[in-house]
C-alpha atoms as a PDB file:
ATOM      1  CA  MET A   1      40.809 -85.772  45.403  1.00  0.00           C
ATOM      2  CA  PRO A   2      40.516 -82.068  46.248  1.00  0.00           C
ATOM      3  CA  GLN A   3      37.087 -80.539  46.631  1.00  0.00           C
ATOM      4  CA  PHE A   4      36.399 -77.284  44.786  1.00  0.00           C
ATOM      5  CA  ALA A   5      34.270 -74.576  46.304  1.00  0.00           C
ATOM      6  CA  GLU A   6      31.463 -73.109  44.267  1.00  0.00           C
ATOM      7  CA  ILE A   7      32.630 -70.000  42.437  1.00  0.00           C
ATOM      8  CA  GLN A   8      31.089 -66.798  43.734  1.00  0.00           C
ATOM      9  CA  THR A   9      30.402 -64.295  40.981  1.00  0.00           C
ATOM     10  CA  GLU A  10      29.701 -60.598  40.924  1.00  0.00           C
ATOM     11  CA  PRO A  11      26.162 -59.477  40.015  1.00  0.00           C
ATOM     12  CA  GLY A  12      25.884 -59.172  36.251  1.00  0.00           C
ATOM     13  CA  PHE A  13      28.824 -61.534  35.644  1.00  0.00           C
ATOM     14  CA  VAL A  14      28.124 -64.188  33.022  1.00  0.00           C
ATOM     15  CA  ASP A  15      30.001 -67.452  33.521  1.00  0.00           C
ATOM     16  CA  ARG A  16      30.517 -68.481  29.888  1.00  0.00           C
ATOM     17  CA  ARG A  17      31.642 -71.948  30.932  1.00  0.00           C
ATOM     18  CA  SER A  18      28.008 -72.770  31.646  1.00  0.00           C
ATOM     19  CA  ASN A  19      27.053 -71.853  28.054  1.00  0.00           C
ATOM     20  CA  PHE A  20      28.709 -74.895  26.470  1.00  0.00           C
ATOM     21  CA  VAL A  21      27.682 -75.359  22.836  1.00  0.00           C
ATOM     22  CA  GLU A  22      27.314 -78.813  21.339  1.00  0.00           C
ATOM     23  CA  PRO A  23      29.824 -79.434  18.491  1.00  0.00           C
ATOM     24  CA  ASP A  24      27.044 -79.994  15.931  1.00  0.00           C
ATOM     25  CA  ALA A  25      25.053 -76.921  16.988  1.00  0.00           C
ATOM     26  CA  ALA A  26      24.870 -73.983  14.605  1.00  0.00           C
ATOM     27  CA  PRO A  27      26.954 -70.968  15.613  1.00  0.00           C
ATOM     28  CA  SER A  28      25.062 -68.101  17.175  1.00  0.00           C
ATOM     29  CA  ARG A  29      26.502 -65.457  14.876  1.00  0.00           C
ATOM     30  CA  GLU A  30      28.238 -65.237  11.537  1.00  0.00           C
ATOM     31  CA  ARG A  31      31.997 -65.027  11.355  1.00  0.00           C
ATOM     32  CA  ARG A  32      33.539 -63.472   8.289  1.00  0.00           C
ATOM     33  CA  GLN A  33      37.220 -63.296   7.533  1.00  0.00           C
ATOM     34  CA  PHE A  34      37.076 -60.615   4.877  1.00  0.00           C
ATOM     35  CA  ARG A  35      34.376 -58.114   5.810  1.00  0.00           C
ATOM     36  CA  ASN A  36      30.667 -57.830   6.367  1.00  0.00           C
ATOM     37  CA  SER A  37      29.773 -56.848   2.821  1.00  0.00           C
ATOM     38  CA  TYR A  38      30.476 -58.316  -0.595  1.00  0.00           C
ATOM     39  CA  ASP A  39      29.143 -55.233  -2.397  1.00  0.00           C
ATOM     40  CA  ASN A  40      32.412 -54.252  -4.081  1.00  0.00           C
ATOM     41  CA  LEU A  41      33.516 -57.748  -5.072  1.00  0.00           C
ATOM     42  CA  SER A  42      33.381 -59.336  -8.499  1.00  0.00           C
ATOM     43  CA  PRO A  43      30.944 -62.243  -8.921  1.00  0.00           C
ATOM     44  CA  ASP A  44      33.783 -64.785  -8.687  1.00  0.00           C
ATOM     45  CA  ALA A  45      35.207 -63.145  -5.550  1.00  0.00           C
ATOM     46  CA  THR A  46      31.707 -63.022  -4.032  1.00  0.00           C
ATOM     47  CA  GLU A  47      31.300 -66.755  -4.676  1.00  0.00           C
ATOM     48  CA  LEU A  48      34.688 -67.494  -3.072  1.00  0.00           C
ATOM     49  CA  ALA A  49      34.027 -65.299  -0.032  1.00  0.00           C
ATOM     50  CA  GLY A  50      30.620 -66.918   0.464  1.00  0.00           C
ATOM     51  CA  ALA A  51      32.118 -70.408   0.181  1.00  0.00           C
ATOM     52  CA  ILE A  52      34.810 -69.532   2.728  1.00  0.00           C
ATOM     53  CA  ASP A  53      32.232 -68.080   5.118  1.00  0.00           C
ATOM     54  CA  GLU A  54      30.089 -71.208   4.736  1.00  0.00           C
ATOM     55  CA  TYR A  55      33.123 -73.419   5.430  1.00  0.00           C
ATOM     56  CA  LYS A  56      33.970 -71.429   8.550  1.00  0.00           C
ATOM     57  CA  LEU A  57      30.408 -71.599   9.850  1.00  0.00           C
ATOM     58  CA  ARG A  58      30.187 -75.323   9.201  1.00  0.00           C
ATOM     59  CA  HIS A  59      33.533 -76.037  10.885  1.00  0.00           C
ATOM     60  CA  ARG A  60      33.212 -73.373  13.605  1.00  0.00           C
ATOM     61  CA  ARG A  61      36.409 -71.590  12.588  1.00  0.00           C
ATOM     62  CA  ARG A  62      37.061 -67.882  12.875  1.00  0.00           C
ATOM     63  CA  PHE A  63      40.014 -67.974  10.480  1.00  0.00           C
ATOM     64  CA  ILE A  64      41.129 -70.683   8.085  1.00  0.00           C
ATOM     65  CA  THR A  65      44.528 -71.919   6.969  1.00  0.00           C
ATOM     66  CA  TYR A  66      45.855 -71.758   3.422  1.00  0.00           C
ATOM     67  CA  GLU A  67      45.269 -75.517   3.097  1.00  0.00           C
ATOM     68  CA  GLU A  68      41.622 -75.081   4.093  1.00  0.00           C
ATOM     69  CA  MET A  69      41.250 -72.177   1.655  1.00  0.00           C
ATOM     70  CA  LEU A  70      42.763 -74.318  -1.100  1.00  0.00           C
ATOM     71  CA  GLY A  71      40.210 -77.025  -0.320  1.00  0.00           C
ATOM     72  CA  VAL A  72      37.359 -74.507  -0.584  1.00  0.00           C
ATOM     73  CA  ILE A  73      38.713 -73.240  -3.917  1.00  0.00           C
ATOM     74  CA  GLN A  74      39.072 -76.784  -5.267  1.00  0.00           C
ATOM     75  CA  ASN A  75      35.530 -77.623  -4.133  1.00  0.00           C
ATOM     76  CA  LEU A  76      34.325 -74.664  -6.215  1.00  0.00           C
ATOM     77  CA  GLY A  77      35.867 -76.390  -9.235  1.00  0.00           C
ATOM     78  CA  TYR A  78      39.055 -74.403  -9.708  1.00  0.00           C
ATOM     79  CA  SER A  79      42.280 -76.234 -10.580  1.00  0.00           C
ATOM     80  CA  LYS A  80      45.786 -75.283 -11.568  1.00  0.00           C
END
């Protein structure tokens, strides 16, 4: 088995591999797909955007698929 030398880094370089986050740990910052403000949204759109943001935080996703969005919408009680 090959031996790997220790990686030499430049001063000020941050090796992000050493900052592994446990899967159940809360994310360090919010990730929003739409924008940072819900000020100009209707109440229903605000509720949907908040639910999507909550889903993404819980599942550590930056963007979600249409299937995931449909699941969020259905969990809010909407149906066809």
